[in-house]
C-alpha atoms as a PDB file:
ATOM      1  CA  UNK A   1     -38.596  29.957  34.908  1.00  0.00           C
ATOM      2  CA  UNK A   2     -38.849  32.927  32.597  1.00  0.00           C
ATOM      3  CA  UNK A   3     -41.499  33.590  29.963  1.00  0.00           C
ATOM      4  CA  UNK A   4     -42.192  35.640  26.860  1.00  0.00           C
ATOM      5  CA  UNK A   5     -45.783  36.719  26.292  1.00  0.00           C
ATOM      6  CA  UNK A   6     -47.330  34.968  23.279  1.00  0.00           C
ATOM      7  CA  UNK A   7     -50.247  36.291  21.164  1.00  0.00           C
ATOM      8  CA  UNK A   8     -53.037  33.977  22.356  1.00  0.00           C
ATOM      9  CA  UNK A   9     -52.032  34.212  26.001  1.00  0.00           C
ATOM     10  CA  UNK A  10     -51.967  37.995  25.670  1.00  0.00           C
ATOM     11  CA  UNK A  11     -55.439  38.036  24.092  1.00  0.00           C
ATOM     12  CA  UNK A  12     -56.892  35.811  26.824  1.00  0.00           C
ATOM     13  CA  UNK A  13     -55.333  37.992  29.505  1.00  0.00           C
ATOM     14  CA  UNK A  14     -56.678  41.215  27.988  1.00  0.00           C
ATOM     15  CA  UNK A  15     -60.163  39.763  27.397  1.00  0.00           C
ATOM     16  CA  UNK A  16     -60.448  38.371  30.917  1.00  0.00           C
ATOM     17  CA  UNK A  17     -59.243  41.617  32.508  1.00  0.00           C
ATOM     18  CA  UNK A  18     -61.636  43.670  30.351  1.00  0.00           C
ATOM     19  CA  UNK A  19     -64.568  41.472  31.404  1.00  0.00           C
ATOM     20  CA  UNK A  20     -63.473  41.743  35.036  1.00  0.00           C
ATOM     21  CA  UNK A  21     -63.674  45.541  34.722  1.00  0.00           C
ATOM     22  CA  UNK A  22     -67.166  45.249  33.226  1.00  0.00           C
ATOM     23  CA  UNK A  23     -68.140  42.989  36.134  1.00  0.00           C
ATOM     24  CA  UNK A  24     -67.121  45.692  38.579  1.00  0.00           C
ATOM     25  CA  UNK A  25     -69.729  47.961  36.969  1.00  0.00           C
ATOM     26  CA  UNK A  26     -72.396  45.503  38.121  1.00  0.00           C
ATOM     27  CA  UNK A  27     -74.072  45.299  34.714  1.00  0.00           C
ATOM     28  CA  UNK A  28     -77.261  43.164  34.899  1.00  0.00           C
ATOM     29  CA  UNK A  29     -76.454  40.910  31.930  1.00  0.00           C
ATOM     30  CA  UNK A  30     -73.254  39.714  33.602  1.00  0.00           C
ATOM     31  CA  UNK A  31     -75.220  37.428  35.920  1.00  0.00           C
ATOM     32  CA  UNK A  32     -76.239  35.324  32.903  1.00  0.00           C
ATOM     33  CA  UNK A  33     -72.589  34.665  32.082  1.00  0.00           C
ATOM     34  CA  UNK A  34     -72.056  32.813  35.373  1.00  0.00           C
ATOM     35  CA  UNK A  35     -72.374  29.034  35.408  1.00  0.00           C
ATOM     36  CA  UNK A  36     -75.478  28.126  37.396  1.00  0.00           C
ATOM     37  CA  UNK A  37     -76.377  24.557  38.426  1.00  0.00           C
ATOM     38  CA  UNK A  38     -78.228  22.771  35.624  1.00  0.00           C
ATOM     39  CA  UNK A  39     -81.298  22.487  37.873  1.00  0.00           C
ATOM     40  CA  UNK A  40     -81.436  26.263  38.385  1.00  0.00           C
ATOM     41  CA  UNK A  41     -83.920  28.441  36.509  1.00  0.00           C
ATOM     42  CA  UNK A  42     -80.972  30.683  35.623  1.00  0.00           C
ATOM     43  CA  UNK A  43     -78.953  27.976  33.840  1.00  0.00           C
ATOM     44  CA  UNK A  44     -78.234  28.338  30.111  1.00  0.00           C
ATOM     45  CA  UNK A  45     -75.860  26.184  28.025  1.00  0.00           C
ATOM     46  CA  UNK A  46     -73.662  29.092  26.920  1.00  0.00           C
ATOM     47  CA  UNK A  47     -72.578  29.497  30.541  1.00  0.00           C
ATOM     48  CA  UNK A  48     -70.174  26.557  30.128  1.00  0.00           C
ATOM     49  CA  UNK A  49     -68.075  28.956  28.039  1.00  0.00           C
ATOM     50  CA  UNK A  50     -68.748  32.386  29.504  1.00  0.00           C
ATOM     51  CA  UNK A  51     -68.141  31.451  33.148  1.00  0.00           C
ATOM     52  CA  UNK A  52     -64.439  31.019  32.353  1.00  0.00           C
ATOM     53  CA  UNK A  53     -64.030  34.765  31.809  1.00  0.00           C
ATOM     54  CA  UNK A  54     -65.699  35.927  35.017  1.00  0.00           C
ATOM     55  CA  UNK A  55     -64.088  36.161  38.455  1.00  0.00           C
ATOM     56  CA  UNK A  56     -64.933  37.095  42.023  1.00  0.00           C
ATOM     57  CA  UNK A  57     -65.122  40.892  42.178  1.00  0.00           C
ATOM     58  CA  UNK A  58     -64.726  41.087  45.951  1.00  0.00           C
ATOM     59  CA  UNK A  59     -60.988  41.357  45.457  1.00  0.00           C
ATOM     60  CA  UNK A  60     -58.125  40.844  43.027  1.00  0.00           C
ATOM     61  CA  UNK A  61     -56.931  37.526  44.442  1.00  0.00           C
ATOM     62  CA  UNK A  62     -59.095  35.247  42.288  1.00  0.00           C
ATOM     63  CA  UNK A  63     -58.343  36.809  38.919  1.00  0.00           C
ATOM     64  CA  UNK A  64     -54.712  37.480  39.805  1.00  0.00           C
ATOM     65  CA  UNK A  65     -54.065  33.845  40.723  1.00  0.00           C
ATOM     66  CA  UNK A  66     -55.629  32.537  37.520  1.00  0.00           C
ATOM     67  CA  UNK A  67     -54.019  35.066  35.193  1.00  0.00           C
ATOM     68  CA  UNK A  68     -50.650  34.577  36.877  1.00  0.00           C
ATOM     69  CA  UNK A  69     -50.904  30.848  36.168  1.00  0.00           C
ATOM     70  CA  UNK A  70     -51.819  31.579  32.537  1.00  0.00           C
ATOM     71  CA  UNK A  71     -48.917  34.003  32.256  1.00  0.00           C
ATOM     72  CA  UNK A  72     -46.369  31.587  33.723  1.00  0.00           C
ATOM     73  CA  UNK A  73     -47.340  28.299  32.059  1.00  0.00           C
ATOM     74  CA  UNK A  74     -49.316  29.368  28.988  1.00  0.00           C
ATOM     75  CA  UNK A  75     -46.626  30.868  26.709  1.00  0.00           C
ATOM     76  CA  UNK A  76     -44.452  27.757  26.567  1.00  0.00           C
ATOM     77  CA  UNK A  77     -47.483  25.597  25.733  1.00  0.00           C
ATOM     78  CA  UNK A  78     -48.596  28.035  23.050  1.00  0.00           C
ATOM     79  CA  UNK A  79     -45.139  27.996  21.452  1.00  0.00           C
ATOM     80  CA  UNK A  80     -45.142  24.193  21.655  1.00  0.00           C
ATOM     81  CA  UNK A  81     -48.619  23.710  20.127  1.00  0.00           C
ATOM     82  CA  UNK A  82     -49.242  26.920  18.228  1.00  0.00           C
ATOM     83  CA  UNK A  83     -51.969  29.476  19.043  1.00  0.00           C
ATOM     84  CA  UNK A  84     -54.945  27.575  17.518  1.00  0.00           C
ATOM     85  CA  UNK A  85     -54.277  24.317  19.329  1.00  0.00           C
ATOM     86  CA  UNK A  86     -53.529  26.182  22.561  1.00  0.00           C
ATOM     87  CA  UNK A  87     -56.846  28.057  22.334  1.00  0.00           C
ATOM     88  CA  UNK A  88     -58.713  24.823  21.628  1.00  0.00           C
ATOM     89  CA  UNK A  89     -57.024  23.252  24.678  1.00  0.00           C
ATOM     90  CA  UNK A  90     -57.971  26.234  26.863  1.00  0.00           C
ATOM     91  CA  UNK A  91     -61.654  26.000  25.953  1.00  0.00           C
ATOM     92  CA  UNK A  92     -61.732  22.197  26.019  1.00  0.00           C
ATOM     93  CA  UNK A  93     -60.385  21.996  29.560  1.00  0.00           C
ATOM     94  CA  UNK A  94     -62.395  24.981  30.792  1.00  0.00           C
ATOM     95  CA  UNK A  95     -65.659  23.591  29.422  1.00  0.00           C
ATOM     96  CA  UNK A  96     -64.774  20.103  30.631  1.00  0.00           C
ATOM     97  CA  UNK A  97     -64.140  21.493  34.106  1.00  0.00           C
ATOM     98  CA  UNK A  98     -67.568  23.135  34.072  1.00  0.00           C
ATOM     99  CA  UNK A  99     -69.249  19.924  32.940  1.00  0.00           C
ATOM    100  CA  UNK A 100     -67.671  17.806  35.694  1.00  0.00           C
ATOM    101  CA  UNK A 101     -68.400  20.455  38.310  1.00  0.00           C
ATOM    102  CA  UNK A 102     -72.018  20.630  37.125  1.00  0.00           C
ATOM    103  CA  UNK A 103     -72.344  16.856  37.319  1.00  0.00           C
ATOM    104  CA  UNK A 104     -71.116  16.798  40.899  1.00  0.00           C
ATOM    105  CA  UNK A 105     -73.334  19.763  41.771  1.00  0.00           C
ATOM    106  CA  UNK A 106     -76.351  17.993  40.237  1.00  0.00           C
ATOM    107  CA  UNK A 107     -75.725  14.944  42.437  1.00  0.00           C
ATOM    108  CA  UNK A 108     -75.258  17.061  45.560  1.00  0.00           C
ATOM    109  CA  UNK A 109     -78.358  19.125  44.775  1.00  0.00           C
ATOM    110  CA  UNK A 110     -80.415  15.973  44.261  1.00  0.00           C
ATOM    111  CA  UNK A 111     -79.297  14.667  47.654  1.00  0.00           C
ATOM    112  CA  UNK A 112     -80.135  17.998  49.244  1.00  0.00           C
ATOM    113  CA  UNK A 113     -83.544  18.093  47.565  1.00  0.00           C
ATOM    114  CA  UNK A 114     -84.386  14.641  48.923  1.00  0.00           C
ATOM    115  CA  UNK A 115     -83.286  15.668  52.406  1.00  0.00           C
ATOM    116  CA  UNK A 116     -85.300  18.895  52.178  1.00  0.00           C
ATOM    117  CA  UNK A 117     -88.466  17.131  51.058  1.00  0.00           C
ATOM    118  CA  UNK A 118     -88.061  14.465  53.743  1.00  0.00           C
ATOM    119  CA  UNK A 119     -87.702  17.106  56.452  1.00  0.00           C
ATOM    120  CA  UNK A 120     -90.650  19.221  55.321  1.00  0.00           C
ATOM    121  CA  UNK A 121     -92.818  16.090  55.273  1.00  0.00           C
ATOM    122  CA  UNK A 122     -91.902  15.099  58.849  1.00  0.00           C
ATOM    123  CA  UNK A 123     -90.132  17.907  60.753  1.00  0.00           C
ATOM    124  CA  UNK A 124     -88.712  17.382  64.238  1.00  0.00           C
ATOM    125  CA  UNK A 125     -86.074  19.227  66.280  1.00  0.00           C
ATOM    126  CA  UNK A 126     -83.674  16.260  66.003  1.00  0.00           C
ATOM    127  CA  UNK A 127     -84.027  16.099  62.219  1.00  0.00           C
ATOM    128  CA  UNK A 128     -83.592  19.878  61.982  1.00  0.00           C
ATOM    129  CA  UNK A 129     -80.321  19.755  63.932  1.00  0.00           C
ATOM    130  CA  UNK A 130     -79.127  16.907  61.710  1.00  0.00           C
ATOM    131  CA  UNK A 131     -80.046  18.801  58.521  1.00  0.00           C
ATOM    132  CA  UNK A 132     -78.325  22.007  59.587  1.00  0.00           C
ATOM    133  CA  UNK A 133     -75.231  20.153  60.790  1.00  0.00           C
ATOM    134  CA  UNK A 134     -74.874  18.391  57.435  1.00  0.00           C
ATOM    135  CA  UNK A 135     -75.893  21.057  54.940  1.00  0.00           C
ATOM    136  CA  UNK A 136     -75.494  24.429  56.668  1.00  0.00           C
ATOM    137  CA  UNK A 137     -73.114  24.011  59.584  1.00  0.00           C
ATOM    138  CA  UNK A 138     -71.827  27.557  59.104  1.00  0.00           C
ATOM    139  CA  UNK A 139     -75.316  28.754  60.172  1.00  0.00           C
ATOM    140  CA  UNK A 140     -75.391  26.669  63.338  1.00  0.00           C
ATOM    141  CA  UNK A 141     -74.289  29.464  65.697  1.00  0.00           C
ATOM    142  CA  UNK A 142     -76.847  31.935  64.357  1.00  0.00           C
ATOM    143  CA  UNK A 143     -79.593  29.352  64.868  1.00  0.00           C
ATOM    144  CA  UNK A 144     -78.404  28.255  68.303  1.00  0.00           C
ATOM    145  CA  UNK A 145     -81.141  30.013  70.300  1.00  0.00           C
ATOM    146  CA  UNK A 146     -83.848  28.821  67.929  1.00  0.00           C
ATOM    147  CA  UNK A 147     -82.576  25.254  68.181  1.00  0.00           C
ATOM    148  CA  UNK A 148     -82.877  25.350  71.971  1.00  0.00           C
ATOM    149  CA  UNK A 149     -86.375  26.821  71.819  1.00  0.00           C
ATOM    150  CA  UNK A 150     -87.450  24.314  69.174  1.00  0.00           C
ATOM    151  CA  UNK A 151     -86.273  21.394  71.295  1.00  0.00           C
ATOM    152  CA  UNK A 152     -88.297  22.728  74.209  1.00  0.00           C
ATOM    153  CA  UNK A 153     -91.384  23.205  71.997  1.00  0.00           C
ATOM    154  CA  UNK A 154     -91.213  20.359  69.434  1.00  0.00           C
ATOM    155  CA  UNK A 155     -94.917  20.517  68.518  1.00  0.00           C
ATOM    156  CA  UNK A 156     -95.205  24.302  68.201  1.00  0.00           C
ATOM    157  CA  UNK A 157     -96.610  25.161  64.763  1.00  0.00           C
ATOM    158  CA  UNK A 158     -94.662  28.432  64.836  1.00  0.00           C
ATOM    159  CA  UNK A 159     -91.310  26.671  65.311  1.00  0.00           C
ATOM    160  CA  UNK A 160     -92.182  23.905  62.876  1.00  0.00           C
ATOM    161  CA  UNK A 161     -93.099  26.390  60.149  1.00  0.00           C
ATOM    162  CA  UNK A 162     -89.985  28.459  60.753  1.00  0.00           C
ATOM    163  CA  UNK A 163     -87.753  25.384  60.603  1.00  0.00           C
ATOM    164  CA  UNK A 164     -89.334  24.418  57.281  1.00  0.00           C
ATOM    165  CA  UNK A 165     -88.625  27.897  55.900  1.00  0.00           C
ATOM    166  CA  UNK A 166     -85.009  27.678  57.007  1.00  0.00           C
ATOM    167  CA  UNK A 167     -84.576  24.282  55.369  1.00  0.00           C
ATOM    168  CA  UNK A 168     -86.187  25.529  52.139  1.00  0.00           C
ATOM    169  CA  UNK A 169     -83.909  28.589  52.145  1.00  0.00           C
ATOM    170  CA  UNK A 170     -80.846  26.383  52.512  1.00  0.00           C
ATOM    171  CA  UNK A 171     -81.938  24.344  49.503  1.00  0.00           C
ATOM    172  CA  UNK A 172     -82.808  27.371  47.361  1.00  0.00           C
ATOM    173  CA  UNK A 173     -79.528  29.021  48.237  1.00  0.00           C
ATOM    174  CA  UNK A 174     -77.437  25.978  47.385  1.00  0.00           C
ATOM    175  CA  UNK A 175     -79.426  25.229  44.227  1.00  0.00           C
ATOM    176  CA  UNK A 176     -78.722  28.664  42.745  1.00  0.00           C
ATOM    177  CA  UNK A 177     -75.061  29.264  43.588  1.00  0.00           C
ATOM    178  CA  UNK A 178     -73.182  30.198  40.398  1.00  0.00           C
ATOM    179  CA  UNK A 179     -69.582  29.315  39.538  1.00  0.00           C
ATOM    180  CA  UNK A 180     -67.097  31.684  37.921  1.00  0.00           C
ATOM    181  CA  UNK A 181     -63.434  31.636  37.015  1.00  0.00           C
ATOM    182  CA  UNK A 182     -60.806  30.286  34.661  1.00  0.00           C
ATOM    183  CA  UNK A 183     -59.421  27.930  37.310  1.00  0.00           C
ATOM    184  CA  UNK A 184     -60.498  24.782  35.457  1.00  0.00           C
ATOM    185  CA  UNK A 185     -58.616  25.827  32.323  1.00  0.00           C
ATOM    186  CA  UNK A 186     -55.615  26.955  34.392  1.00  0.00           C
ATOM    187  CA  UNK A 187     -55.443  23.598  36.170  1.00  0.00           C
ATOM    188  CA  UNK A 188     -55.647  22.017  32.722  1.00  0.00           C
ATOM    189  CA  UNK A 189     -52.667  24.114  31.648  1.00  0.00           C
ATOM    190  CA  UNK A 190     -50.809  23.055  34.786  1.00  0.00           C
ATOM    191  CA  UNK A 191     -51.508  19.393  34.018  1.00  0.00           C
ATOM    192  CA  UNK A 192     -50.334  19.832  30.416  1.00  0.00           C
ATOM    193  CA  UNK A 193     -47.155  21.502  31.551  1.00  0.00           C
ATOM    194  CA  UNK A 194     -46.429  18.679  33.994  1.00  0.00           C
ATOM    195  CA  UNK A 195     -47.071  16.012  31.345  1.00  0.00           C
ATOM    196  CA  UNK A 196     -45.093  17.645  28.550  1.00  0.00           C
ATOM    197  CA  UNK A 197     -42.263  19.193  30.578  1.00  0.00           C
ATOM    198  CA  UNK A 198     -42.162  17.016  33.713  1.00  0.00           C
ATOM    199  CA  UNK A 199     -38.593  17.764  34.717  1.00  0.00           C
ATOM    200  CA  UNK A 200     -38.723  21.530  34.203  1.00  0.00           C
ATOM    201  CA  UNK A 201     -37.968  23.215  37.519  1.00  0.00           C
ATOM    202  CA  UNK A 202     -40.421  25.757  38.857  1.00  0.00           C
ATOM    203  CA  UNK A 203     -39.382  28.071  41.645  1.00  0.00           C
ATOM    204  CA  UNK A 204     -42.056  27.721  44.307  1.00  0.00           C
ATOM    205  CA  UNK A 205     -42.585  31.102  45.978  1.00  0.00           C
ATOM    206  CA  UNK A 206     -39.676  32.236  43.771  1.00  0.00           C
ATOM    207  CA  UNK A 207     -37.293  30.438  46.154  1.00  0.00           C
ATOM    208  CA  UNK A 208     -37.547  26.639  46.018  1.00  0.00           C
ATOM    209  CA  UNK A 209     -36.930  24.755  42.745  1.00  0.00           C
ATOM    210  CA  UNK A 210     -39.403  21.886  42.287  1.00  0.00           C
ATOM    211  CA  UNK A 211     -39.949  19.789  39.174  1.00  0.00           C
ATOM    212  CA  UNK A 212     -43.227  20.368  37.372  1.00  0.00           C
ATOM    213  CA  UNK A 213     -44.364  16.748  37.731  1.00  0.00           C
ATOM    214  CA  UNK A 214     -44.241  17.015  41.530  1.00  0.00           C
ATOM    215  CA  UNK A 215     -46.206  20.275  41.514  1.00  0.00           C
ATOM    216  CA  UNK A 216     -48.904  18.643  39.386  1.00  0.00           C
ATOM    217  CA  UNK A 217     -49.028  15.559  41.606  1.00  0.00           C
ATOM    218  CA  UNK A 218     -49.356  17.690  44.733  1.00  0.00           C
ATOM    219  CA  UNK A 219     -52.170  19.847  43.355  1.00  0.00           C
ATOM    220  CA  UNK A 220     -54.003  16.843  41.946  1.00  0.00           C
ATOM    221  CA  UNK A 221     -53.948  14.989  45.257  1.00  0.00           C
ATOM    222  CA  UNK A 222     -54.879  18.095  47.212  1.00  0.00           C
ATOM    223  CA  UNK A 223     -57.882  18.857  44.991  1.00  0.00           C
ATOM    224  CA  UNK A 224     -59.105  15.266  45.306  1.00  0.00           C
ATOM    225  CA  UNK A 225     -58.784  15.454  49.086  1.00  0.00           C
ATOM    226  CA  UNK A 226     -60.460  18.872  49.289  1.00  0.00           C
ATOM    227  CA  UNK A 227     -63.200  17.893  46.832  1.00  0.00           C
ATOM    228  CA  UNK A 228     -64.276  14.688  48.554  1.00  0.00           C
ATOM    229  CA  UNK A 229     -63.713  16.098  52.044  1.00  0.00           C
ATOM    230  CA  UNK A 230     -65.336  19.451  51.378  1.00  0.00           C
ATOM    231  CA  UNK A 231     -66.983  21.068  54.368  1.00  0.00           C
ATOM    232  CA  UNK A 232     -70.031  23.387  54.274  1.00  0.00           C
ATOM    233  CA  UNK A 233     -68.925  26.931  53.558  1.00  0.00           C
ATOM    234  CA  UNK A 234     -66.076  25.905  51.258  1.00  0.00           C
ATOM    235  CA  UNK A 235     -66.759  28.019  48.165  1.00  0.00           C
ATOM    236  CA  UNK A 236     -63.901  26.648  46.052  1.00  0.00           C
ATOM    237  CA  UNK A 237     -65.017  24.560  43.047  1.00  0.00           C
ATOM    238  CA  UNK A 238     -62.527  21.737  43.636  1.00  0.00           C
ATOM    239  CA  UNK A 239     -64.156  19.415  41.124  1.00  0.00           C
ATOM    240  CA  UNK A 240     -63.800  22.079  38.433  1.00  0.00           C
ATOM    241  CA  UNK A 241     -60.051  22.004  39.127  1.00  0.00           C
ATOM    242  CA  UNK A 242     -60.063  18.215  38.979  1.00  0.00           C
ATOM    243  CA  UNK A 243     -62.113  18.376  35.787  1.00  0.00           C
ATOM    244  CA  UNK A 244     -59.618  20.703  34.134  1.00  0.00           C
ATOM    245  CA  UNK A 245     -56.761  18.352  34.952  1.00  0.00           C
ATOM    246  CA  UNK A 246     -58.722  15.267  33.890  1.00  0.00           C
ATOM    247  CA  UNK A 247     -59.779  16.646  30.512  1.00  0.00           C
ATOM    248  CA  UNK A 248     -56.257  17.955  29.932  1.00  0.00           C
ATOM    249  CA  UNK A 249     -54.879  14.460  30.515  1.00  0.00           C
ATOM    250  CA  UNK A 250     -57.413  12.925  28.107  1.00  0.00           C
ATOM    251  CA  UNK A 251     -56.754  15.467  25.352  1.00  0.00           C
ATOM    252  CA  UNK A 252     -52.966  15.289  25.602  1.00  0.00           C
ATOM    253  CA  UNK A 253     -53.020  11.487  25.494  1.00  0.00           C
ATOM    254  CA  UNK A 254     -55.306  11.667  22.467  1.00  0.00           C
ATOM    255  CA  UNK A 255     -53.047  14.139  20.702  1.00  0.00           C
ATOM    256  CA  UNK A 256     -50.100  11.935  21.540  1.00  0.00           C
ATOM    257  CA  UNK A 257     -51.757   9.037  19.743  1.00  0.00           C
ATOM    258  CA  UNK A 258     -52.475  11.208  16.680  1.00  0.00           C
ATOM    259  CA  UNK A 259     -49.028  12.635  16.051  1.00  0.00           C
ATOM    260  CA  UNK A 260     -49.496  12.554  12.291  1.00  0.00           C
ATOM    261  CA  UNK A 261     -52.528  14.868  12.495  1.00  0.00           C
ATOM    262  CA  UNK A 262     -52.328  18.602  13.044  1.00  0.00           C
ATOM    263  CA  UNK A 263     -54.712  21.533  13.190  1.00  0.00           C
END
């Protein structure tokens, strides 16, 4: 499937790349553009918009994947809707993705807070192992020696205090993890493409032709599976992807019912 770059897609590409370059300079104000959990002291409402233009600076993979998706699927949608409606769609799905992700994060953080408070109130080696296994399993190996010592000295104030600090650090770390990226909006664009042009063939890996509706179905099911089955250490915001697709579906169905109204 070929493409011709359209004005709004070009502007979004240039803006996102420019911000990515600014991120690489490690400017202090950039941290306030990330989307923090609503329970975090760093959260501000404008982050539901600004987080869409930031990406992981540890490599080019994150921004490349998102901008490639925008470049492939965006132009046809912009020509179909026009630049104003396309831009509205981009922000609507990106913000919607952030809202759903934040809702899920709020629930998870509340569960973690309850578990943290319960442990600190009545710490034991068995409860510590259970907490780490559920909420920080990627740290299990580094804590292996401590776990053995704690089990051998379950009443030691030194081990009890240390275990409480570890549990508190897990909570504080999880409660302040920010989210960045245009993935929610890109998954919204993918959903729109599949709904509006379901039988258009996309060459997967530039080799295998697959209809758009099957690509959308696959990604939707995968994100649901990965979101609900997420393991500790998985840093992908699967529910942001799901949110982008969900809000895209809602908006396109609404527009479809209002065919006599235009922007």
